[in-house]
Amino acid sequence: MLSHRQALYLREQGHAWVVTLCDQHKVRTLYLTSRLVEVVATICRKSREQSITMAERDTLIDIFRQDSQLAYDVWPVTTAIYISAGNLCRSHKLRAYDAVQLACALSVRDDALTSHVTAPLFVCAEWSHYVAMAEGFSVENPTITRS
């Protein structure tokens, strides 16, 4: 499963659904692809907007980084991923970071198919989930499909 992790750490639309989805009894593997910086940036933005305190920001970042090391399989961003991301920009209207995210997801999916395991579910709370669908992913968008 690929996940846009902010909803797990911040109470936003889709929070309860993402928490349930990420319950270790329901999901075998959680992949964190290229979102390591994006999650921290979102938490920092919430602090700048004064939705959370600086102390809460720092605690959430620490928890997220600990989870990143202990609970998630972090998919590496390699030169091949960057090349794939650039190629995806030829086919789809993508921002650079979204292209890298999708290229990582495609690499995870290819690895799963090669290993004869179930293809991952792509979870994304952005418009780019339509591009993931076009690339053949099963997609869930917690902001559209769940409250």
Protein backbone atom coordinates (compact mmCIF):
# COMPACT_ATOMS: atom_id res chain seq x y z
CA MET A 1 0.00 0.00 0.00
CA LEU A 2 1.22 3.46 -0.77
CA SER A 3 0.11 6.20 1.48
CA HIS A 4 -0.04 9.95 1.70
CA ARG A 5 0.84 9.93 5.41
CA GLN A 6 -0.29 13.39 6.55
CA ALA A 7 -3.80 12.17 7.36
CA LEU A 8 -2.32 9.69 9.83
CA TYR A 9 -0.45 12.39 11.79
CA LEU A 10 -2.83 15.33 11.53
CA ARG A 11 -6.56 15.39 12.02
CA GLU A 12 -7.70 16.24 8.52
CA GLN A 13 -10.42 14.98 6.28
CA GLY A 14 -9.97 11.22 5.96
CA HIS A 15 -8.01 10.88 9.22
CA ALA A 16 -10.12 8.11 10.79
CA TRP A 17 -10.21 6.17 7.53
CA VAL A 18 -6.42 6.33 7.07
CA VAL A 19 -5.81 5.27 10.67
CA THR A 20 -8.11 2.28 10.17
CA LEU A 21 -6.48 1.44 6.83
CA CYS A 22 -3.01 1.57 8.34
CA ASP A 23 -3.87 -0.69 11.27
CA GLN A 24 -1.16 -3.33 11.17
CA HIS A 25 -3.74 -6.08 11.44
CA LYS A 26 -5.26 -5.01 8.12
CA VAL A 27 -2.23 -4.00 6.06
CA ARG A 28 0.81 -6.20 5.68
CA THR A 29 3.26 -3.60 4.41
CA LEU A 30 3.16 0.19 4.39
CA TYR A 31 5.40 1.78 1.79
CA LEU A 32 6.55 5.31 2.19
CA THR A 33 7.90 6.32 -1.16
CA SER A 34 9.08 9.86 -1.84
CA ARG A 35 7.02 11.66 0.81
CA LEU A 36 9.61 11.92 3.59
CA VAL A 37 10.07 15.66 3.00
CA GLU A 38 6.46 16.38 2.09
CA VAL A 39 5.04 15.05 5.35
CA VAL A 40 7.45 17.15 7.39
CA ALA A 41 6.67 20.20 5.23
CA THR A 42 2.93 19.71 5.80
CA ILE A 43 3.42 19.43 9.56
CA CYS A 44 5.54 22.61 9.51
CA ARG A 45 2.90 24.43 7.43
CA LYS A 46 0.26 23.53 10.04
CA SER A 47 2.50 25.08 12.68
CA ARG A 48 3.02 28.26 10.63
CA GLU A 49 -0.76 28.48 10.17
CA GLN A 50 -1.03 28.08 13.94
CA SER A 51 -3.19 24.95 13.62
CA ILE A 52 -0.68 23.20 15.87
CA THR A 53 1.94 24.50 18.29
CA MET A 54 5.67 24.35 17.63
CA ALA A 55 5.94 21.70 20.36
CA GLU A 56 3.23 19.62 18.64
CA ARG A 57 5.04 20.15 15.32
CA ASP A 58 8.29 18.83 16.73
CA THR A 59 6.57 15.87 18.41
CA LEU A 60 4.73 14.92 15.21
CA ILE A 61 7.93 15.16 13.15
CA ASP A 62 9.77 12.98 15.68
CA ILE A 63 6.96 10.39 15.64
CA PHE A 64 6.83 10.41 11.85
CA ARG A 65 10.60 9.99 11.53
CA GLN A 66 10.56 7.15 14.06
CA ASP A 67 7.72 5.48 12.14
CA SER A 68 9.70 5.98 8.93
CA GLN A 69 12.53 3.94 10.38
CA LEU A 70 10.52 1.31 12.24
CA ALA A 71 7.10 0.85 10.66
CA TYR A 72 7.41 1.65 6.96
CA ASP A 73 9.31 0.21 4.08
CA VAL A 74 10.93 3.31 2.61
CA TRP A 75 11.30 2.96 -1.14
CA PRO A 76 14.58 4.50 -2.34
CA VAL A 77 14.62 7.26 -4.93
CA THR A 78 17.24 6.17 -7.45
CA THR A 79 18.45 7.48 -10.79
CA ALA A 80 16.10 4.99 -12.45
CA ILE A 81 13.19 6.48 -10.48
CA TYR A 82 14.13 10.00 -11.62
CA ILE A 83 14.29 8.83 -15.25
CA SER A 84 10.90 7.12 -14.89
CA ALA A 85 9.47 10.29 -13.29
CA GLY A 86 10.69 12.37 -16.21
CA ASN A 87 9.09 9.93 -18.64
CA LEU A 88 5.80 10.13 -16.73
CA CYS A 89 5.84 13.90 -17.28
CA ARG A 90 5.73 13.21 -21.02
CA SER A 91 2.45 11.30 -20.63
CA HIS A 92 0.76 13.17 -17.80
CA LYS A 93 0.50 16.72 -16.52
CA LEU A 94 2.49 16.21 -13.31
CA ARG A 95 4.52 18.40 -11.00
CA ALA A 96 8.04 17.09 -10.45
CA TYR A 97 7.43 15.80 -6.92
CA ASP A 98 4.19 14.07 -7.95
CA ALA A 99 6.04 12.43 -10.85
CA VAL A 100 8.70 11.11 -8.47
CA GLN A 101 5.99 9.79 -6.12
CA LEU A 102 4.25 7.99 -8.98
CA ALA A 103 7.51 6.59 -10.34
CA CYS A 104 8.27 5.16 -6.89
CA ALA A 105 4.79 3.67 -6.73
CA LEU A 106 5.23 2.06 -10.12
CA SER A 107 8.54 0.59 -8.96
CA VAL A 108 6.85 -0.83 -5.84
CA ARG A 109 4.09 -2.29 -8.00
CA ASP A 110 6.57 -3.83 -10.45
CA ASP A 111 8.45 -5.38 -7.54
CA ALA A 112 5.20 -6.81 -6.12
CA LEU A 113 4.18 -8.28 -9.46
CA THR A 114 7.65 -9.81 -9.96
CA SER A 115 7.39 -11.33 -6.47
CA HIS A 116 3.88 -12.65 -7.27
CA VAL A 117 2.24 -10.74 -4.43
CA THR A 118 -0.81 -8.52 -4.48
CA ALA A 119 -0.27 -5.20 -6.21
CA PRO A 120 -0.27 -2.25 -3.80
CA LEU A 121 -3.17 0.09 -3.19
CA PHE A 122 -2.32 3.70 -4.04
CA VAL A 123 -3.65 6.11 -1.42
CA CYS A 124 -3.49 9.76 -2.37
CA ALA A 125 -5.42 12.83 -1.25
CA GLU A 126 -4.48 14.94 -4.26
CA TRP A 127 -5.76 15.34 -7.80
CA SER A 128 -2.86 13.16 -9.05
CA HIS A 129 -4.75 10.05 -7.93
CA TYR A 130 -6.41 10.22 -11.37
CA VAL A 131 -3.00 9.79 -12.97
CA ALA A 132 -2.31 6.78 -10.73
CA MET A 133 -5.60 5.30 -11.93
CA ALA A 134 -4.54 5.89 -15.54
CA GLU A 135 -1.35 3.97 -14.74
CA GLY A 136 -3.43 1.00 -13.61
CA PHE A 137 -3.44 1.38 -9.82
CA SER A 138 -6.29 0.59 -7.50
CA VAL A 139 -6.68 4.00 -5.89
CA GLU A 140 -8.27 5.33 -2.73
CA ASN A 141 -8.59 9.05 -2.05
CA PRO A 142 -9.60 9.54 1.59
CA THR A 143 -10.84 13.07 0.89
CA ILE A 144 -13.26 11.87 -1.77
CA THR A 145 -14.19 8.32 -0.80
CA ARG A 146 -14.17 8.68 2.98
CA SER A 147 -14.85 11.38 5.56
